[in-house]
Protein backbone atom coordinates (compact mmCIF):
# COMPACT_ATOMS: atom_id res chain seq x y z
CA MET A 1 -11.87 -33.64 -37.81
CA LYS A 2 -15.47 -32.64 -37.26
CA VAL A 3 -17.22 -29.46 -36.10
CA CYS A 4 -19.63 -30.12 -33.21
CA THR A 5 -22.54 -27.71 -32.69
CA GLN A 6 -26.07 -27.95 -31.30
CA GLU A 7 -27.32 -28.30 -34.89
CA THR A 8 -24.95 -31.18 -35.74
CA ALA A 9 -25.81 -32.95 -32.47
CA VAL A 10 -29.55 -32.72 -33.19
CA ALA A 11 -29.04 -33.89 -36.79
CA GLU A 12 -26.94 -36.87 -35.68
CA PHE A 13 -29.25 -37.85 -32.82
CA PRO A 14 -31.49 -40.39 -34.62
CA ALA A 15 -28.56 -42.44 -35.95
CA ALA A 16 -26.65 -42.25 -32.66
CA TRP A 17 -29.71 -43.31 -30.67
CA GLN A 18 -30.33 -46.21 -33.07
CA ALA A 19 -26.69 -47.32 -32.74
CA GLN A 20 -27.00 -47.31 -28.94
CA TYR A 21 -30.40 -49.00 -28.60
CA GLY A 22 -31.20 -50.55 -31.99
CA HIS A 23 -30.18 -54.06 -30.97
CA LEU A 24 -32.49 -54.17 -27.94
CA PRO A 25 -36.03 -55.61 -28.07
CA ASP A 26 -39.11 -53.38 -27.97
CA SER A 27 -39.87 -54.77 -24.51
CA PHE A 28 -36.69 -53.24 -23.03
CA ARG A 29 -37.77 -50.97 -20.16
CA PHE A 30 -35.96 -47.77 -19.20
CA SER A 31 -35.59 -46.55 -15.60
CA ASP A 32 -38.54 -44.17 -16.08
CA GLY A 33 -40.80 -47.13 -16.96
CA ARG A 34 -41.10 -46.43 -20.68
CA THR A 35 -40.46 -49.25 -23.11
CA LEU A 36 -38.09 -49.01 -26.02
CA GLY A 37 -40.93 -49.96 -28.36
CA GLY A 38 -43.00 -47.02 -27.12
CA ILE A 39 -40.14 -44.59 -27.61
CA ARG A 40 -39.38 -46.00 -31.07
CA GLU A 41 -43.00 -45.41 -32.04
CA ASP A 42 -42.82 -41.82 -30.76
CA LEU A 43 -39.62 -41.17 -32.74
CA ARG A 44 -40.90 -42.47 -36.10
CA SER A 45 -42.73 -39.26 -36.92
CA ALA A 46 -41.02 -36.86 -34.53
CA THR A 47 -39.49 -33.49 -35.26
CA ALA A 48 -36.14 -32.57 -33.68
CA ALA A 49 -37.95 -30.89 -30.77
CA GLU A 50 -40.15 -33.95 -30.29
CA HIS A 51 -37.06 -36.19 -30.33
CA ILE A 52 -35.66 -34.16 -27.46
CA ALA A 53 -38.92 -34.41 -25.51
CA ALA A 54 -39.19 -38.15 -26.21
CA ILE A 55 -35.78 -38.97 -24.81
CA VAL A 56 -35.78 -36.37 -22.01
CA HIS A 57 -31.98 -36.68 -21.81
CA LEU A 58 -30.40 -33.50 -23.17
CA SER A 59 -26.89 -34.98 -23.31
CA TRP A 60 -27.94 -36.62 -26.60
CA ILE A 61 -28.26 -33.25 -28.32
CA GLU A 62 -25.66 -31.11 -26.54
CA PRO A 63 -22.34 -30.68 -28.33
CA PRO A 64 -19.28 -31.71 -26.29
CA GLY A 65 -17.57 -28.96 -24.32
CA CYS A 66 -13.91 -28.01 -24.71
CA ASP A 67 -11.50 -30.51 -23.16
CA GLU A 68 -8.90 -27.77 -22.67
CA CYS A 69 -10.83 -24.94 -20.97
CA GLY A 70 -14.11 -26.67 -20.11
CA GLY A 71 -16.16 -24.11 -22.03
CA ASP A 72 -19.31 -24.86 -23.98
CA GLY A 73 -19.34 -25.56 -27.72
CA PRO A 74 -19.12 -25.25 -30.54
CA THR A 75 -16.01 -27.39 -30.58
CA VAL A 76 -13.91 -29.29 -33.10
CA GLN A 77 -13.51 -33.03 -32.61
CA LEU A 78 -9.89 -34.06 -33.11
CA GLY A 79 -8.51 -37.59 -33.21
CA ASP A 80 -10.39 -40.86 -33.35
CA GLU A 81 -14.13 -41.34 -33.62
CA PRO A 82 -15.28 -41.50 -29.99
CA ASP A 83 -15.61 -44.89 -28.32
CA HIS A 84 -14.40 -46.50 -25.10
CA GLU A 85 -10.79 -46.78 -26.28
CA SER A 86 -10.48 -43.76 -28.58
CA ASN A 87 -8.00 -40.92 -28.44
CA THR A 88 -10.43 -38.04 -29.01
CA ALA A 89 -10.42 -34.39 -27.94
CA TRP A 90 -12.97 -31.61 -28.37
CA ILE A 91 -11.39 -28.15 -28.58
CA CYS A 92 -13.08 -24.72 -28.81
CA GLY A 93 -11.97 -21.99 -31.19
CA GLY A 94 -10.24 -19.95 -28.50
CA CYS A 95 -8.12 -22.87 -27.30
CA LEU A 96 -7.38 -23.89 -30.87
CA ARG A 97 -6.10 -20.35 -31.60
CA THR A 98 -3.99 -20.44 -28.43
CA ALA A 99 -2.50 -23.79 -29.48
CA LEU A 100 -1.71 -22.49 -32.97
CA ASP A 101 -0.04 -19.39 -31.46
CA ALA A 102 2.05 -21.63 -29.20
CA LEU A 103 3.14 -23.73 -32.20
CA GLU A 104 4.05 -20.61 -34.17
CA ALA A 105 6.07 -19.26 -31.24
CA ALA A 106 7.88 -22.59 -30.89
CA ARG A 107 8.91 -22.45 -34.54
CA GLY A 108 10.54 -19.10 -33.86
């Protein structure tokens, strides 16, 4: 289980980005024309805000929304570490409380 907030997403960004693109050569070109080598150079000395500006893609630093109600984070990640075949859910505090109430009611 892991708590997912804007702060955790920003802190985890460098490692996640490296895992996604680390195996590609510096000459790899993104759809906006920038090369991976150029972005890597920008990220070497970047602050969190500069990381965001360098990648332009906010989904890297936004915490996942709630899978139950669709609301924004913070959420709790339950289940497997996310990948293409994982069984993972992100649940907000309100939905988690509702689920716990339902379990308590079922117990009688």
